[in-house]
Amino acid sequence: MTPSIIESVFSKESLFAVSLFPYLGFLWFMTKKIEAPKIALIGFYLTLVFVAVTIPAGLYAQFTLHKSLANVDWLHGGAEVFLTLSNITIALGFSKALNKLRIEN
């Protein structure tokens, strides 16, 4: 059965690709804001590293192993390490910024 046009336009792959544009806009604005904590900003950029690692990992799982990335634990876990690293960096950046504000006030 052939997918309809609506199913094709709103597929998870197309929505994933389109979602990168607002995120890149978010990064651009965050980079321009002087008040943005630098460590948190690095964490937000590390999220792009997670995406850059996850896409080839997913393709490898699909075309070489004939499985979904979620079903290949070692590959999925390896990709998720980058998301964890970015989340920790974001949290540390904002935590450091909040502590700095508390000390100044």
PDB file of N, CA and C in Angstrom:
ATOM      1  N   MET A   1       0.834  -1.176   0.000  1.00  0.00           N
ATOM      2  CA  MET A   1       0.000   0.000   0.000  1.00  0.00           C
ATOM      3  C   MET A   1       0.882   1.245   0.000  1.00  0.00           C
ATOM      4  N   THR A   2       0.605   2.176  -0.870  1.00  0.00           N
ATOM      5  CA  THR A   2       1.370   3.402  -1.002  1.00  0.00           C
ATOM      6  C   THR A   2       0.889   4.424   0.023  1.00  0.00           C
ATOM      7  N   PRO A   3       1.838   5.099   0.708  1.00  0.00           N
ATOM      8  CA  PRO A   3       1.405   6.102   1.682  1.00  0.00           C
ATOM      9  C   PRO A   3       0.766   7.298   0.985  1.00  0.00           C
ATOM     10  N   SER A   4      -0.204   7.913   1.639  1.00  0.00           N
ATOM     11  CA  SER A   4      -0.841   9.102   1.084  1.00  0.00           C
ATOM     12  C   SER A   4       0.115  10.284   1.167  1.00  0.00           C
ATOM     13  N   ILE A   5      -0.239  11.352   0.493  1.00  0.00           N
ATOM     14  CA  ILE A   5       0.595  12.559   0.509  1.00  0.00           C
ATOM     15  C   ILE A   5       0.701  13.096   1.939  1.00  0.00           C
ATOM     16  N   ILE A   6      -0.397  13.091   2.662  1.00  0.00           N
ATOM     17  CA  ILE A   6      -0.386  13.588   4.039  1.00  0.00           C
ATOM     18  C   ILE A   6       0.535  12.729   4.908  1.00  0.00           C
ATOM     19  N   GLU A   7       0.478  11.417   4.747  1.00  0.00           N
ATOM     20  CA  GLU A   7       1.360  10.530   5.520  1.00  0.00           C
ATOM     21  C   GLU A   7       2.819  10.776   5.164  1.00  0.00           C
ATOM     22  N   SER A   8       3.095  11.064   3.898  1.00  0.00           N
ATOM     23  CA  SER A   8       4.470  11.330   3.474  1.00  0.00           C
ATOM     24  C   SER A   8       4.976  12.653   4.033  1.00  0.00           C
ATOM     25  N   VAL A   9       4.132  13.689   3.976  1.00  0.00           N
ATOM     26  CA  VAL A   9       4.544  15.015   4.450  1.00  0.00           C
ATOM     27  C   VAL A   9       4.763  15.004   5.961  1.00  0.00           C
ATOM     28  N   PHE A  10       3.904  14.294   6.681  1.00  0.00           N
ATOM     29  CA  PHE A  10       3.988  14.282   8.133  1.00  0.00           C
ATOM     30  C   PHE A  10       4.661  13.026   8.675  1.00  0.00           C
ATOM     31  N   SER A  11       5.544  12.441   7.897  1.00  0.00           N
ATOM     32  CA  SER A  11       6.271  11.275   8.387  1.00  0.00           C
ATOM     33  C   SER A  11       7.280  11.735   9.435  1.00  0.00           C
ATOM     34  N   LYS A  12       7.702  10.816  10.277  1.00  0.00           N
ATOM     35  CA  LYS A  12       8.644  11.189  11.334  1.00  0.00           C
ATOM     36  C   LYS A  12       9.964  11.670  10.756  1.00  0.00           C
ATOM     37  N   GLU A  13      10.358  11.135   9.603  1.00  0.00           N
ATOM     38  CA  GLU A  13      11.615  11.556   8.992  1.00  0.00           C
ATOM     39  C   GLU A  13      11.535  12.996   8.501  1.00  0.00           C
ATOM     40  N   SER A  14      10.430  13.356   7.831  1.00  0.00           N
ATOM     41  CA  SER A  14      10.310  14.722   7.325  1.00  0.00           C
ATOM     42  C   SER A  14      10.133  15.711   8.473  1.00  0.00           C
ATOM     43  N   LEU A  15       9.376  15.341   9.492  1.00  0.00           N
ATOM     44  CA  LEU A  15       9.218  16.236  10.636  1.00  0.00           C
ATOM     45  C   LEU A  15      10.541  16.419  11.376  1.00  0.00           C
ATOM     46  N   PHE A  16      11.337  15.361  11.467  1.00  0.00           N
ATOM     47  CA  PHE A  16      12.650  15.459  12.103  1.00  0.00           C
ATOM     48  C   PHE A  16      13.536  16.438  11.337  1.00  0.00           C
ATOM     49  N   ALA A  17      13.551  16.326  10.010  1.00  0.00           N
ATOM     50  CA  ALA A  17      14.389  17.209   9.194  1.00  0.00           C
ATOM     51  C   ALA A  17      13.940  18.659   9.326  1.00  0.00           C
ATOM     52  N   VAL A  18      12.646  18.890   9.305  1.00  0.00           N
ATOM     53  CA  VAL A  18      12.115  20.248   9.408  1.00  0.00           C
ATOM     54  C   VAL A  18      12.380  20.827  10.795  1.00  0.00           C
ATOM     55  N   SER A  19      12.403  20.002  11.818  1.00  0.00           N
ATOM     56  CA  SER A  19      12.600  20.492  13.181  1.00  0.00           C
ATOM     57  C   SER A  19      14.004  21.050  13.399  1.00  0.00           C
ATOM     58  N   LEU A  20      14.931  20.716  12.534  1.00  0.00           N
ATOM     59  CA  LEU A  20      16.285  21.256  12.686  1.00  0.00           C
ATOM     60  C   LEU A  20      16.325  22.764  12.448  1.00  0.00           C
ATOM     61  N   PHE A  21      15.466  23.280  11.573  1.00  0.00           N
ATOM     62  CA  PHE A  21      15.492  24.715  11.258  1.00  0.00           C
ATOM     63  C   PHE A  21      15.117  25.587  12.457  1.00  0.00           C
ATOM     64  N   PRO A  22      14.040  25.295  13.174  1.00  0.00           N
ATOM     65  CA  PRO A  22      13.772  26.103  14.381  1.00  0.00           C
ATOM     66  C   PRO A  22      14.881  25.968  15.424  1.00  0.00           C
ATOM     67  N   TYR A  23      15.466  24.780  15.534  1.00  0.00           N
ATOM     68  CA  TYR A  23      16.527  24.593  16.520  1.00  0.00           C
ATOM     69  C   TYR A  23      17.759  25.408  16.139  1.00  0.00           C
ATOM     70  N   LEU A  24      18.085  25.436  14.860  1.00  0.00           N
ATOM     71  CA  LEU A  24      19.213  26.254  14.412  1.00  0.00           C
ATOM     72  C   LEU A  24      18.932  27.733  14.652  1.00  0.00           C
ATOM     73  N   GLY A  25      17.683  28.153  14.455  1.00  0.00           N
ATOM     74  CA  GLY A  25      17.300  29.532  14.771  1.00  0.00           C
ATOM     75  C   GLY A  25      17.456  29.822  16.261  1.00  0.00           C
ATOM     76  N   PHE A  26      17.032  28.885  17.083  1.00  0.00           N
ATOM     77  CA  PHE A  26      17.191  29.006  18.533  1.00  0.00           C
ATOM     78  C   PHE A  26      18.671  29.167  18.889  1.00  0.00           C
ATOM     79  N   LEU A  27      19.526  28.345  18.298  1.00  0.00           N
ATOM     80  CA  LEU A  27      20.964  28.448  18.578  1.00  0.00           C
ATOM     81  C   LEU A  27      21.529  29.795  18.139  1.00  0.00           C
ATOM     82  N   TRP A  28      21.059  30.278  17.003  1.00  0.00           N
ATOM     83  CA  TRP A  28      21.540  31.566  16.499  1.00  0.00           C
ATOM     84  C   TRP A  28      21.188  32.675  17.487  1.00  0.00           C
ATOM     85  N   PHE A  29      19.936  32.693  17.952  1.00  0.00           N
ATOM     86  CA  PHE A  29      19.527  33.716  18.910  1.00  0.00           C
ATOM     87  C   PHE A  29      20.242  33.558  20.248  1.00  0.00           C
ATOM     88  N   MET A  30      20.424  32.341  20.703  1.00  0.00           N
ATOM     89  CA  MET A  30      21.135  32.114  21.965  1.00  0.00           C
ATOM     90  C   MET A  30      22.590  32.567  21.866  1.00  0.00           C
ATOM     91  N   THR A  31      23.193  32.377  20.704  1.00  0.00           N
ATOM     92  CA  THR A  31      24.580  32.786  20.509  1.00  0.00           C
ATOM     93  C   THR A  31      24.708  34.307  20.538  1.00  0.00           C
ATOM     94  N   LYS A  32      23.688  34.989  20.034  1.00  0.00           N
ATOM     95  CA  LYS A  32      23.723  36.456  19.983  1.00  0.00           C
ATOM     96  C   LYS A  32      23.447  37.100  21.340  1.00  0.00           C
ATOM     97  N   LYS A  33      22.799  36.374  22.243  1.00  0.00           N
ATOM     98  CA  LYS A  33      22.481  36.924  23.555  1.00  0.00           C
ATOM     99  C   LYS A  33      23.714  36.849  24.453  1.00  0.00           C
ATOM    100  N   ILE A  34      24.139  37.974  24.937  1.00  0.00           N
ATOM    101  CA  ILE A  34      25.312  38.025  25.797  1.00  0.00           C
ATOM    102  C   ILE A  34      25.039  37.331  27.128  1.00  0.00           C
ATOM    103  N   GLU A  35      23.777  37.362  27.588  1.00  0.00           N
ATOM    104  CA  GLU A  35      23.423  36.805  28.887  1.00  0.00           C
ATOM    105  C   GLU A  35      23.367  35.280  28.886  1.00  0.00           C
ATOM    106  N   ALA A  36      23.382  34.665  27.747  1.00  0.00           N
ATOM    107  CA  ALA A  36      23.282  33.200  27.681  1.00  0.00           C
ATOM    108  C   ALA A  36      24.529  32.575  28.305  1.00  0.00           C
ATOM    109  N   PRO A  37      24.344  31.674  29.266  1.00  0.00           N
ATOM    110  CA  PRO A  37      25.513  31.020  29.880  1.00  0.00           C
ATOM    111  C   PRO A  37      26.303  30.238  28.826  1.00  0.00           C
ATOM    112  N   LYS A  38      27.591  30.490  28.762  1.00  0.00           N
ATOM    113  CA  LYS A  38      28.434  29.872  27.728  1.00  0.00           C
ATOM    114  C   LYS A  38      28.446  28.350  27.829  1.00  0.00           C
ATOM    115  N   ILE A  39      28.505  27.829  29.036  1.00  0.00           N
ATOM    116  CA  ILE A  39      28.546  26.370  29.191  1.00  0.00           C
ATOM    117  C   ILE A  39      27.229  25.757  28.720  1.00  0.00           C
ATOM    118  N   ALA A  40      26.114  26.405  29.050  1.00  0.00           N
ATOM    119  CA  ALA A  40      24.814  25.911  28.580  1.00  0.00           C
ATOM    120  C   ALA A  40      24.741  25.987  27.059  1.00  0.00           C
ATOM    121  N   LEU A  41      25.271  27.052  26.493  1.00  0.00           N
ATOM    122  CA  LEU A  41      25.272  27.194  25.036  1.00  0.00           C
ATOM    123  C   LEU A  41      26.072  26.069  24.377  1.00  0.00           C
ATOM    124  N   ILE A  42      27.184  25.713  24.975  1.00  0.00           N
ATOM    125  CA  ILE A  42      27.969  24.577  24.474  1.00  0.00           C
ATOM    126  C   ILE A  42      27.119  23.308  24.529  1.00  0.00           C
ATOM    127  N   GLY A  43      26.367  23.132  25.601  1.00  0.00           N
ATOM    128  CA  GLY A  43      25.477  21.981  25.726  1.00  0.00           C
ATOM    129  C   GLY A  43      24.426  21.942  24.627  1.00  0.00           C
ATOM    130  N   PHE A  44      23.868  23.105  24.293  1.00  0.00           N
ATOM    131  CA  PHE A  44      22.881  23.149  23.213  1.00  0.00           C
ATOM    132  C   PHE A  44      23.523  22.768  21.872  1.00  0.00           C
ATOM    133  N   TYR A  45      24.757  23.195  21.659  1.00  0.00           N
ATOM    134  CA  TYR A  45      25.462  22.804  20.431  1.00  0.00           C
ATOM    135  C   TYR A  45      25.794  21.309  20.447  1.00  0.00           C
ATOM    136  N   LEU A  46      26.066  20.761  21.625  1.00  0.00           N
ATOM    137  CA  LEU A  46      26.331  19.325  21.721  1.00  0.00           C
ATOM    138  C   LEU A  46      25.106  18.498  21.326  1.00  0.00           C
ATOM    139  N   THR A  47      23.927  19.081  21.450  1.00  0.00           N
ATOM    140  CA  THR A  47      22.724  18.394  20.995  1.00  0.00           C
ATOM    141  C   THR A  47      22.799  18.142  19.493  1.00  0.00           C
ATOM    142  N   LEU A  48      23.409  19.064  18.758  1.00  0.00           N
ATOM    143  CA  LEU A  48      23.620  18.841  17.319  1.00  0.00           C
ATOM    144  C   LEU A  48      24.582  17.684  17.077  1.00  0.00           C
ATOM    145  N   VAL A  49      25.559  17.519  17.961  1.00  0.00           N
ATOM    146  CA  VAL A  49      26.467  16.373  17.846  1.00  0.00           C
ATOM    147  C   VAL A  49      25.670  15.083  18.033  1.00  0.00           C
ATOM    148  N   PHE A  50      24.758  15.095  19.003  1.00  0.00           N
ATOM    149  CA  PHE A  50      23.887  13.931  19.214  1.00  0.00           C
ATOM    150  C   PHE A  50      23.116  13.610  17.941  1.00  0.00           C
ATOM    151  N   VAL A  51      22.549  14.620  17.308  1.00  0.00           N
ATOM    152  CA  VAL A  51      21.798  14.405  16.061  1.00  0.00           C
ATOM    153  C   VAL A  51      22.730  13.875  14.969  1.00  0.00           C
ATOM    154  N   ALA A  52      23.920  14.463  14.880  1.00  0.00           N
ATOM    155  CA  ALA A  52      24.879  14.041  13.850  1.00  0.00           C
ATOM    156  C   ALA A  52      25.347  12.605  14.061  1.00  0.00           C
ATOM    157  N   VAL A  53      25.372  12.137  15.291  1.00  0.00           N
ATOM    158  CA  VAL A  53      25.772  10.759  15.578  1.00  0.00           C
ATOM    159  C   VAL A  53      24.593   9.801  15.396  1.00  0.00           C
ATOM    160  N   THR A  54      23.409  10.251  15.780  1.00  0.00           N
ATOM    161  CA  THR A  54      22.235   9.391  15.747  1.00  0.00           C
ATOM    162  C   THR A  54      21.806   9.044  14.320  1.00  0.00           C
ATOM    163  N   ILE A  55      21.897   9.984  13.412  1.00  0.00           N
ATOM    164  CA  ILE A  55      21.457   9.725  12.033  1.00  0.00           C
ATOM    165  C   ILE A  55      22.263   8.595  11.392  1.00  0.00           C
ATOM    166  N   PRO A  56      23.602   8.658  11.378  1.00  0.00           N
ATOM    167  CA  PRO A  56      24.338   7.531  10.789  1.00  0.00           C
ATOM    168  C   PRO A  56      24.158   6.227  11.565  1.00  0.00           C
ATOM    169  N   ALA A  57      24.023   6.331  12.887  1.00  0.00           N
ATOM    170  CA  ALA A  57      23.800   5.115  13.686  1.00  0.00           C
ATOM    171  C   ALA A  57      22.477   4.469  13.301  1.00  0.00           C
ATOM    172  N   GLY A  58      21.453   5.286  13.110  1.00  0.00           N
ATOM    173  CA  GLY A  58      20.152   4.766  12.699  1.00  0.00           C
ATOM    174  C   GLY A  58      20.187   4.155  11.311  1.00  0.00           C
ATOM    175  N   LEU A  59      20.914   4.809  10.408  1.00  0.00           N
ATOM    176  CA  LEU A  59      21.041   4.261   9.056  1.00  0.00           C
ATOM    177  C   LEU A  59      21.803   2.940   9.061  1.00  0.00           C
ATOM    178  N   TYR A  60      22.857   2.873   9.868  1.00  0.00           N
ATOM    179  CA  TYR A  60      23.625   1.630   9.982  1.00  0.00           C
ATOM    180  C   TYR A  60      22.749   0.504  10.531  1.00  0.00           C
ATOM    181  N   ALA A  61      21.998   0.821  11.561  1.00  0.00           N
ATOM    182  CA  ALA A  61      21.118  -0.192  12.156  1.00  0.00           C
ATOM    183  C   ALA A  61      20.076  -0.664  11.150  1.00  0.00           C
ATOM    184  N   GLN A  62      19.527   0.275  10.408  1.00  0.00           N
ATOM    185  CA  GLN A  62      18.454  -0.076   9.471  1.00  0.00           C
ATOM    186  C   GLN A  62      18.965  -0.854   8.268  1.00  0.00           C
ATOM    187  N   PHE A  63      20.036  -0.374   7.643  1.00  0.00           N
ATOM    188  CA  PHE A  63      20.461  -0.972   6.379  1.00  0.00           C
ATOM    189  C   PHE A  63      21.473  -2.101   6.524  1.00  0.00           C
ATOM    190  N   THR A  64      22.240  -2.111   7.591  1.00  0.00           N
ATOM    191  CA  THR A  64      23.228  -3.175   7.776  1.00  0.00           C
ATOM    192  C   THR A  64      22.700  -4.282   8.688  1.00  0.00           C
ATOM    193  N   LEU A  65      22.095  -3.884   9.790  1.00  0.00           N
ATOM    194  CA  LEU A  65      21.606  -4.867  10.753  1.00  0.00           C
ATOM    195  C   LEU A  65      20.135  -5.213  10.547  1.00  0.00           C
ATOM    196  N   HIS A  66      19.462  -4.450   9.693  1.00  0.00           N
ATOM    197  CA  HIS A  66      18.037  -4.656   9.386  1.00  0.00           C
ATOM    198  C   HIS A  66      17.173  -4.598  10.644  1.00  0.00           C
ATOM    199  N   LYS A  67      17.505  -3.648  11.514  1.00  0.00           N
ATOM    200  CA  LYS A  67      16.759  -3.430  12.749  1.00  0.00           C
ATOM    201  C   LYS A  67      16.599  -1.936  12.971  1.00  0.00           C
ATOM    202  N   SER A  68      15.670  -1.609  13.837  1.00  0.00           N
ATOM    203  CA  SER A  68      15.511  -0.223  14.267  1.00  0.00           C
ATOM    204  C   SER A  68      16.654   0.116  15.227  1.00  0.00           C
ATOM    205  N   LEU A  69      17.063   1.371  15.236  1.00  0.00           N
ATOM    206  CA  LEU A  69      18.135   1.795  16.146  1.00  0.00           C
ATOM    207  C   LEU A  69      17.772   1.466  17.594  1.00  0.00           C
ATOM    208  N   ALA A  70      16.510   1.624  17.950  1.00  0.00           N
ATOM    209  CA  ALA A  70      16.065   1.344  19.318  1.00  0.00           C
ATOM    210  C   ALA A  70      16.233  -0.120  19.701  1.00  0.00           C
ATOM    211  N   ASN A  71      16.363  -0.991  18.717  1.00  0.00           N
ATOM    212  CA  ASN A  71      16.501  -2.427  18.990  1.00  0.00           C
ATOM    213  C   ASN A  71      17.945  -2.912  18.962  1.00  0.00           C
ATOM    214  N   VAL A  72      18.893  -2.008  18.805  1.00  0.00           N
ATOM    215  CA  VAL A  72      20.315  -2.364  18.827  1.00  0.00           C
ATOM    216  C   VAL A  72      20.924  -1.617  20.016  1.00  0.00           C
ATOM    217  N   ASP A  73      20.927  -2.295  21.158  1.00  0.00           N
ATOM    218  CA  ASP A  73      21.265  -1.639  22.418  1.00  0.00           C
ATOM    219  C   ASP A  73      22.625  -0.947  22.399  1.00  0.00           C
ATOM    220  N   TRP A  74      23.657  -1.614  21.918  1.00  0.00           N
ATOM    221  CA  TRP A  74      24.999  -1.037  21.968  1.00  0.00           C
ATOM    222  C   TRP A  74      25.099   0.210  21.084  1.00  0.00           C
ATOM    223  N   LEU A  75      24.401   0.211  19.980  1.00  0.00           N
ATOM    224  CA  LEU A  75      24.435   1.348  19.066  1.00  0.00           C
ATOM    225  C   LEU A  75      23.556   2.480  19.589  1.00  0.00           C
ATOM    226  N   HIS A  76      22.381   2.122  20.081  1.00  0.00           N
ATOM    227  CA  HIS A  76      21.457   3.113  20.629  1.00  0.00           C
ATOM    228  C   HIS A  76      22.049   3.767  21.870  1.00  0.00           C
ATOM    229  N   GLY A  77      22.638   2.962  22.740  1.00  0.00           N
ATOM    230  CA  GLY A  77      23.265   3.494  23.945  1.00  0.00           C
ATOM    231  C   GLY A  77      24.428   4.406  23.633  1.00  0.00           C
ATOM    232  N   GLY A  78      25.212   4.027  22.631  1.00  0.00           N
ATOM    233  CA  GLY A  78      26.336   4.869  22.224  1.00  0.00           C
ATOM    234  C   GLY A  78      25.882   6.230  21.726  1.00  0.00           C
ATOM    235  N   ALA A  79      24.799   6.256  20.978  1.00  0.00           N
ATOM    236  CA  ALA A  79      24.262   7.530  20.490  1.00  0.00           C
ATOM    237  C   ALA A  79      23.680   8.348  21.646  1.00  0.00           C
ATOM    238  N   GLU A  80      23.005   7.683  22.567  1.00  0.00           N
ATOM    239  CA  GLU A  80      22.365   8.373  23.690  1.00  0.00           C
ATOM    240  C   GLU A  80      23.381   8.998  24.646  1.00  0.00           C
ATOM    241  N   VAL A  81      24.604   8.508  24.640  1.00  0.00           N
ATOM    242  CA  VAL A  81      25.656   9.107  25.464  1.00  0.00           C
ATOM    243  C   VAL A  81      25.812  10.582  25.116  1.00  0.00           C
ATOM    244  N   PHE A  82      25.714  10.905  23.835  1.00  0.00           N
ATOM    245  CA  PHE A  82      25.877  12.292  23.409  1.00  0.00           C
ATOM    246  C   PHE A  82      24.715  13.167  23.884  1.00  0.00           C
ATOM    247  N   LEU A  83      23.509  12.614  23.930  1.00  0.00           N
ATOM    248  CA  LEU A  83      22.375  13.361  24.466  1.00  0.00           C
ATOM    249  C   LEU A  83      22.547  13.588  25.962  1.00  0.00           C
ATOM    250  N   THR A  84      23.002  12.573  26.668  1.00  0.00           N
ATOM    251  CA  THR A  84      23.243  12.710  28.100  1.00  0.00           C
ATOM    252  C   THR A  84      24.318  13.757  28.369  1.00  0.00           C
ATOM    253  N   LEU A  85      25.381  13.723  27.597  1.00  0.00           N
ATOM    254  CA  LEU A  85      26.461  14.700  27.745  1.00  0.00           C
ATOM    255  C   LEU A  85      25.946  16.117  27.504  1.00  0.00           C
ATOM    256  N   SER A  86      25.139  16.303  26.477  1.00  0.00           N
ATOM    257  CA  SER A  86      24.616  17.644  26.197  1.00  0.00           C
ATOM    258  C   SER A  86      23.678  18.099  27.314  1.00  0.00           C
ATOM    259  N   ASN A  87      22.818  17.198  27.814  1.00  0.00           N
ATOM    260  CA  ASN A  87      21.902  17.573  28.892  1.00  0.00           C
ATOM    261  C   ASN A  87      22.647  17.960  30.165  1.00  0.00           C
ATOM    262  N   ILE A  88      23.680  17.209  30.498  1.00  0.00           N
ATOM    263  CA  ILE A  88      24.474  17.523  31.692  1.00  0.00           C
ATOM    264  C   ILE A  88      25.163  18.872  31.524  1.00  0.00           C
ATOM    265  N   THR A  89      25.696  19.135  30.339  1.00  0.00           N
ATOM    266  CA  THR A  89      26.385  20.400  30.078  1.00  0.00           C
ATOM    267  C   THR A  89      25.414  21.575  30.176  1.00  0.00           C
ATOM    268  N   ILE A  90      24.210  21.419  29.634  1.00  0.00           N
ATOM    269  CA  ILE A  90      23.200  22.475  29.728  1.00  0.00           C
ATOM    270  C   ILE A  90      22.846  22.733  31.191  1.00  0.00           C
ATOM    271  N   ALA A  91      22.603  21.680  31.936  1.00  0.00           N
ATOM    272  CA  ALA A  91      22.236  21.825  33.345  1.00  0.00           C
ATOM    273  C   ALA A  91      23.363  22.480  34.151  1.00  0.00           C
ATOM    274  N   LEU A  92      24.586  22.077  33.904  1.00  0.00           N
ATOM    275  CA  LEU A  92      25.721  22.681  34.616  1.00  0.00           C
ATOM    276  C   LEU A  92      25.871  24.155  34.259  1.00  0.00           C
ATOM    277  N   GLY A  93      25.655  24.478  32.999  1.00  0.00           N
ATOM    278  CA  GLY A  93      25.761  25.878  32.565  1.00  0.00           C
ATOM    279  C   GLY A  93      24.751  26.774  33.257  1.00  0.00           C
ATOM    280  N   PHE A  94      23.495  26.327  33.298  1.00  0.00           N
ATOM    281  CA  PHE A  94      22.480  27.141  33.963  1.00  0.00           C
ATOM    282  C   PHE A  94      22.658  27.135  35.478  1.00  0.00           C
ATOM    283  N   SER A  95      23.110  26.038  36.036  1.00  0.00           N
ATOM    284  CA  SER A  95      23.369  25.983  37.468  1.00  0.00           C
ATOM    285  C   SER A  95      24.468  26.971  37.853  1.00  0.00           C
ATOM    286  N   LYS A  96      25.519  26.992  37.065  1.00  0.00           N
ATOM    287  CA  LYS A  96      26.621  27.923  37.328  1.00  0.00           C
ATOM    288  C   LYS A  96      26.146  29.368  37.204  1.00  0.00           C
ATOM    289  N   ALA A  97      25.305  29.647  36.199  1.00  0.00           N
ATOM    290  CA  ALA A  97      24.781  30.998  36.010  1.00  0.00           C
ATOM    291  C   ALA A  97      23.888  31.412  37.180  1.00  0.00           C
ATOM    292  N   LEU A  98      23.048  30.489  37.669  1.00  0.00           N
ATOM    293  CA  LEU A  98      22.187  30.800  38.812  1.00  0.00           C
ATOM    294  C   LEU A  98      23.007  31.041  40.072  1.00  0.00           C
ATOM    295  N   ASN A  99      24.032  30.234  40.282  1.00  0.00           N
ATOM    296  CA  ASN A  99      24.905  30.443  41.446  1.00  0.00           C
ATOM    297  C   ASN A  99      25.612  31.789  41.370  1.00  0.00           C
ATOM    298  N   LYS A 100      26.003  32.180  40.182  1.00  0.00           N
ATOM    299  CA  LYS A 100      26.666  33.474  39.997  1.00  0.00           C
ATOM    300  C   LYS A 100      25.702  34.610  40.319  1.00  0.00           C
ATOM    301  N   LEU A 101      24.441  34.477  39.891  1.00  0.00           N
ATOM    302  CA  LEU A 101      23.432  35.492  40.218  1.00  0.00           C
ATOM    303  C   LEU A 101      23.187  35.577  41.716  1.00  0.00           C
ATOM    304  N   ARG A 102      23.149  34.445  42.394  1.00  0.00           N
ATOM    305  CA  ARG A 102      22.922  34.433  43.849  1.00  0.00           C
ATOM    306  C   ARG A 102      24.060  35.124  44.578  1.00  0.00           C
ATOM    307  N   ILE A 103      25.289  34.918  44.108  1.00  0.00           N
ATOM    308  CA  ILE A 103      26.454  35.542  44.751  1.00  0.00           C
ATOM    309  C   ILE A 103      26.448  37.047  44.531  1.00  0.00           C
ATOM    310  N   GLU A 104      26.061  37.478  43.314  1.00  0.00           N
ATOM    311  CA  GLU A 104      26.049  38.903  42.992  1.00  0.00           C
ATOM    312  C   GLU A 104      24.953  39.639  43.745  1.00  0.00           C
ATOM    313  N   ASN A 105      23.863  38.970  44.045  1.00  0.00           N
ATOM    314  CA  ASN A 105      22.742  39.641  44.723  1.00  0.00           C
ATOM    315  C   ASN A 105      22.891  39.383  46.170  1.00  0.00           C
TER     316      ASN A 105
END
